[in-house]
Every structure is written in C-alpha cells, then in structure tokens.
Amino acid sequence: PVLMKDMQSTEFWPLRAGVDWSDDYLRSRCGHRSVSVRTYSESSRLFGDPFVRDGRVRREMRFADYVSGLNSQPPSVYAARVSMATLPELASDAKDPSEMAYGKLFGKPYFE
C-alpha cells in the first residue's frame, strides 16, 4: 500500500478539479455501499504475513464503516482493488485514464 500526499497540484492527481475525497464526502456519497476488506487473521497482526498461512481474512462491510475505521491506529482493515463498479457514485469524480499523464501507456482501465 502507498499513501501519496500533496499530489493535488500535479498532473498525476486522478480527481477532477474541485473534488475533495474527504472522509465526510466519501461517507455521504457511497457510505451505504458494501466493500470487501481484508482484516487480520487470528494468528497474525500483519496483513499478508508471508509466514502465516491464510494470514488475510476477507469480509464485507459498509463503506462508511471502512472509511471511519481507517482513522484507528493501526487501521484494522484494508481494502485492495476496489473497482469503480463497486462505488459508482465516485466514478464521475475521477478523470478518465486517457486524460492522465502517461495514461495511454497503461491501456484501458481494469474492472473486475
């Protein structure tokens, strides 16, 4: 996982001008949706610990609860590869990949 900060003023920022994905905004737009998350297994406190078989446990949770849970230290859940089809309310906030710097290098977006 990667956390990028201060990207808004760069050509790599994926959101349309004026869009701010704050916690409150995300909860208000699609908090009612369900997302698949990974959580710790009983035997490991690391996500994807290579020494623990089946170290990642998947479960479903409301997106609003997921966003709120990210503020706990350390976060207890992790969402990976959440497609825009899962959170369609946010699709119009994002730039089309072809509008992005180097977007043409990666081809069409991947949707599961």
C-alpha atoms as a PDB file:
ATOM      1  CA  PRO A   1       0.000   0.000   0.000  1.00  0.00           C
ATOM      2  CA  VAL A   2       1.067   3.539  -0.738  1.00  0.00           C
ATOM      3  CA  LEU A   3      -0.059   6.846   0.719  1.00  0.00           C
ATOM      4  CA  MET A   4       0.700   9.812  -1.529  1.00  0.00           C
ATOM      5  CA  LYS A   5       0.468  13.304  -0.080  1.00  0.00           C
ATOM      6  CA  ASP A   6       0.331  16.747  -1.693  1.00  0.00           C
ATOM      7  CA  MET A   7      -0.470  15.400  -5.147  1.00  0.00           C
ATOM      8  CA  GLN A   8      -3.376  17.780  -5.915  1.00  0.00           C
ATOM      9  CA  SER A   9      -1.249  20.291  -7.788  1.00  0.00           C
ATOM     10  CA  THR A  10       0.475  17.711 -10.005  1.00  0.00           C
ATOM     11  CA  GLU A  11      -0.513  16.252 -13.348  1.00  0.00           C
ATOM     12  CA  PHE A  12      -0.770  12.862 -11.662  1.00  0.00           C
ATOM     13  CA  TRP A  13      -3.754  13.776  -9.452  1.00  0.00           C
ATOM     14  CA  PRO A  14      -6.594  11.441 -10.549  1.00  0.00           C
ATOM     15  CA  LEU A  15      -9.570  13.544  -9.421  1.00  0.00           C
ATOM     16  CA  ARG A  16     -11.347  16.242 -11.371  1.00  0.00           C
ATOM     17  CA  ALA A  17     -10.795  19.867 -10.284  1.00  0.00           C
ATOM     18  CA  GLY A  18     -12.800  20.852  -7.226  1.00  0.00           C
ATOM     19  CA  VAL A  19     -13.335  17.297  -5.966  1.00  0.00           C
ATOM     20  CA  ASP A  20     -12.161  16.576  -2.425  1.00  0.00           C
ATOM     21  CA  TRP A  21     -12.436  12.991  -1.220  1.00  0.00           C
ATOM     22  CA  SER A  22     -12.650  13.835   2.464  1.00  0.00           C
ATOM     23  CA  ASP A  23     -13.964  11.190   4.852  1.00  0.00           C
ATOM     24  CA  ASP A  24     -17.297  13.025   5.177  1.00  0.00           C
ATOM     25  CA  TYR A  25     -17.651  13.347   1.401  1.00  0.00           C
ATOM     26  CA  LEU A  26     -16.936   9.649   0.816  1.00  0.00           C
ATOM     27  CA  ARG A  27     -19.388   8.573   3.507  1.00  0.00           C
ATOM     28  CA  SER A  28     -22.116  10.869   2.148  1.00  0.00           C
ATOM     29  CA  ARG A  29     -21.689   9.747  -1.473  1.00  0.00           C
ATOM     30  CA  CYS A  30     -21.419   5.982  -1.106  1.00  0.00           C
ATOM     31  CA  GLY A  31     -21.312   5.075   2.575  1.00  0.00           C
ATOM     32  CA  HIS A  32     -24.294   2.754   2.121  1.00  0.00           C
ATOM     33  CA  ARG A  33     -22.343   0.508  -0.300  1.00  0.00           C
ATOM     34  CA  SER A  34     -20.655  -2.720   0.741  1.00  0.00           C
ATOM     35  CA  VAL A  35     -16.936  -3.341   0.091  1.00  0.00           C
ATOM     36  CA  SER A  36     -14.746  -6.403   0.503  1.00  0.00           C
ATOM     37  CA  VAL A  37     -11.950  -5.813   3.002  1.00  0.00           C
ATOM     38  CA  ARG A  38      -9.057  -7.770   4.415  1.00  0.00           C
ATOM     39  CA  THR A  39      -8.597  -7.991   8.116  1.00  0.00           C
ATOM     40  CA  TYR A  40      -6.120  -9.675  10.400  1.00  0.00           C
ATOM     41  CA  SER A  41      -6.262 -13.400  10.939  1.00  0.00           C
ATOM     42  CA  GLU A  42      -6.310 -14.762  14.470  1.00  0.00           C
ATOM     43  CA  SER A  43      -2.686 -15.860  14.098  1.00  0.00           C
ATOM     44  CA  SER A  44      -1.158 -12.714  12.612  1.00  0.00           C
ATOM     45  CA  ARG A  45      -1.329  -8.958  13.160  1.00  0.00           C
ATOM     46  CA  LEU A  46       0.247  -8.262   9.748  1.00  0.00           C
ATOM     47  CA  PHE A  47      -1.704  -8.018   6.521  1.00  0.00           C
ATOM     48  CA  GLY A  48      -0.432 -10.770   4.265  1.00  0.00           C
ATOM     49  CA  ASP A  49       2.270 -12.062   6.624  1.00  0.00           C
ATOM     50  CA  PRO A  50       4.222 -14.481   4.366  1.00  0.00           C
ATOM     51  CA  PHE A  51       4.939 -16.764   7.329  1.00  0.00           C
ATOM     52  CA  VAL A  52       1.283 -17.230   8.244  1.00  0.00           C
ATOM     53  CA  ARG A  53      -0.861 -19.403   6.044  1.00  0.00           C
ATOM     54  CA  ASP A  54      -4.150 -17.705   5.206  1.00  0.00           C
ATOM     55  CA  GLY A  55      -2.989 -14.548   7.004  1.00  0.00           C
ATOM     56  CA  ARG A  56      -5.626 -12.435   5.279  1.00  0.00           C
ATOM     57  CA  VAL A  57      -9.259 -12.855   6.166  1.00  0.00           C
ATOM     58  CA  ARG A  58     -11.844 -11.298   3.853  1.00  0.00           C
ATOM     59  CA  ARG A  59     -15.174  -9.905   4.946  1.00  0.00           C
ATOM     60  CA  GLU A  60     -17.787  -7.447   3.718  1.00  0.00           C
ATOM     61  CA  MET A  61     -18.506  -4.150   5.442  1.00  0.00           C
ATOM     62  CA  ARG A  62     -20.300  -0.883   4.759  1.00  0.00           C
ATOM     63  CA  PHE A  63     -18.038   1.626   3.044  1.00  0.00           C
ATOM     64  CA  ALA A  64     -18.902   4.275   5.677  1.00  0.00           C
ATOM     65  CA  ASP A  65     -17.631   1.932   8.408  1.00  0.00           C
ATOM     66  CA  TYR A  66     -14.492   1.194   6.388  1.00  0.00           C
ATOM     67  CA  VAL A  67     -13.675   4.914   5.984  1.00  0.00           C
ATOM     68  CA  SER A  68     -14.241   5.519   9.708  1.00  0.00           C
ATOM     69  CA  GLY A  69     -12.048   2.531  10.584  1.00  0.00           C
ATOM     70  CA  LEU A  70      -9.100   3.980   8.689  1.00  0.00           C
ATOM     71  CA  ASN A  71      -8.673   6.529  11.464  1.00  0.00           C
ATOM     72  CA  SER A  72      -7.930   3.873  14.102  1.00  0.00           C
ATOM     73  CA  GLN A  73      -4.285   3.242  14.935  1.00  0.00           C
ATOM     74  CA  PRO A  74      -3.323   0.928  13.418  1.00  0.00           C
ATOM     75  CA  PRO A  75      -6.185   0.509  10.950  1.00  0.00           C
ATOM     76  CA  SER A  76      -7.834  -2.870  11.428  1.00  0.00           C
ATOM     77  CA  VAL A  77      -8.975  -3.347   7.825  1.00  0.00           C
ATOM     78  CA  TYR A  78      -7.505  -2.982   4.351  1.00  0.00           C
ATOM     79  CA  ALA A  79      -9.372  -2.684   1.047  1.00  0.00           C
ATOM     80  CA  ALA A  80      -7.495  -3.502  -2.157  1.00  0.00           C
ATOM     81  CA  ARG A  81      -8.543  -3.275  -5.786  1.00  0.00           C
ATOM     82  CA  VAL A  82     -11.945  -1.760  -5.125  1.00  0.00           C
ATOM     83  CA  SER A  83     -13.377  -1.178  -8.572  1.00  0.00           C
ATOM     84  CA  MET A  84     -15.404   1.858  -9.577  1.00  0.00           C
ATOM     85  CA  ALA A  85     -18.273  -0.541 -10.268  1.00  0.00           C
ATOM     86  CA  THR A  86     -18.431  -1.150  -6.506  1.00  0.00           C
ATOM     87  CA  LEU A  87     -18.612   2.605  -5.761  1.00  0.00           C
ATOM     88  CA  PRO A  88     -20.265   4.046  -8.894  1.00  0.00           C
ATOM     89  CA  GLU A  89     -21.061   7.356  -7.181  1.00  0.00           C
ATOM     90  CA  LEU A  90     -17.341   8.185  -7.287  1.00  0.00           C
ATOM     91  CA  ALA A  91     -16.750   7.394 -10.959  1.00  0.00           C
ATOM     92  CA  SER A  92     -17.693  10.882 -12.138  1.00  0.00           C
ATOM     93  CA  ASP A  93     -15.179  12.382  -9.671  1.00  0.00           C
ATOM     94  CA  ALA A  94     -12.211  10.673 -11.308  1.00  0.00           C
ATOM     95  CA  LYS A  95     -10.503  11.615 -14.533  1.00  0.00           C
ATOM     96  CA  ASP A  96     -10.610   9.188 -17.423  1.00  0.00           C
ATOM     97  CA  PRO A  97      -7.268   7.339 -17.550  1.00  0.00           C
ATOM     98  CA  SER A  98      -6.622   8.738 -21.031  1.00  0.00           C
ATOM     99  CA  GLU A  99      -6.636  12.261 -19.500  1.00  0.00           C
ATOM    100  CA  MET A 100      -3.882  11.347 -17.060  1.00  0.00           C
ATOM    101  CA  ALA A 101      -0.176  11.848 -17.597  1.00  0.00           C
ATOM    102  CA  TYR A 102       1.136   8.610 -19.100  1.00  0.00           C
ATOM    103  CA  GLY A 103      -2.431   7.227 -19.172  1.00  0.00           C
ATOM    104  CA  LYS A 104      -2.062   5.862 -22.665  1.00  0.00           C
ATOM    105  CA  LEU A 105       0.877   3.710 -21.573  1.00  0.00           C
ATOM    106  CA  PHE A 106      -1.295   1.511 -19.379  1.00  0.00           C
ATOM    107  CA  GLY A 107      -4.241   0.829 -21.669  1.00  0.00           C
ATOM    108  CA  LYS A 108      -7.889   0.703 -20.711  1.00  0.00           C
ATOM    109  CA  PRO A 109      -8.789   0.559 -17.036  1.00  0.00           C
ATOM    110  CA  TYR A 110      -9.177  -2.865 -15.468  1.00  0.00           C
ATOM    111  CA  PHE A 111     -12.571  -3.635 -13.973  1.00  0.00           C
ATOM    112  CA  GLU A 112     -13.253  -6.861 -12.105  1.00  0.00           C
END
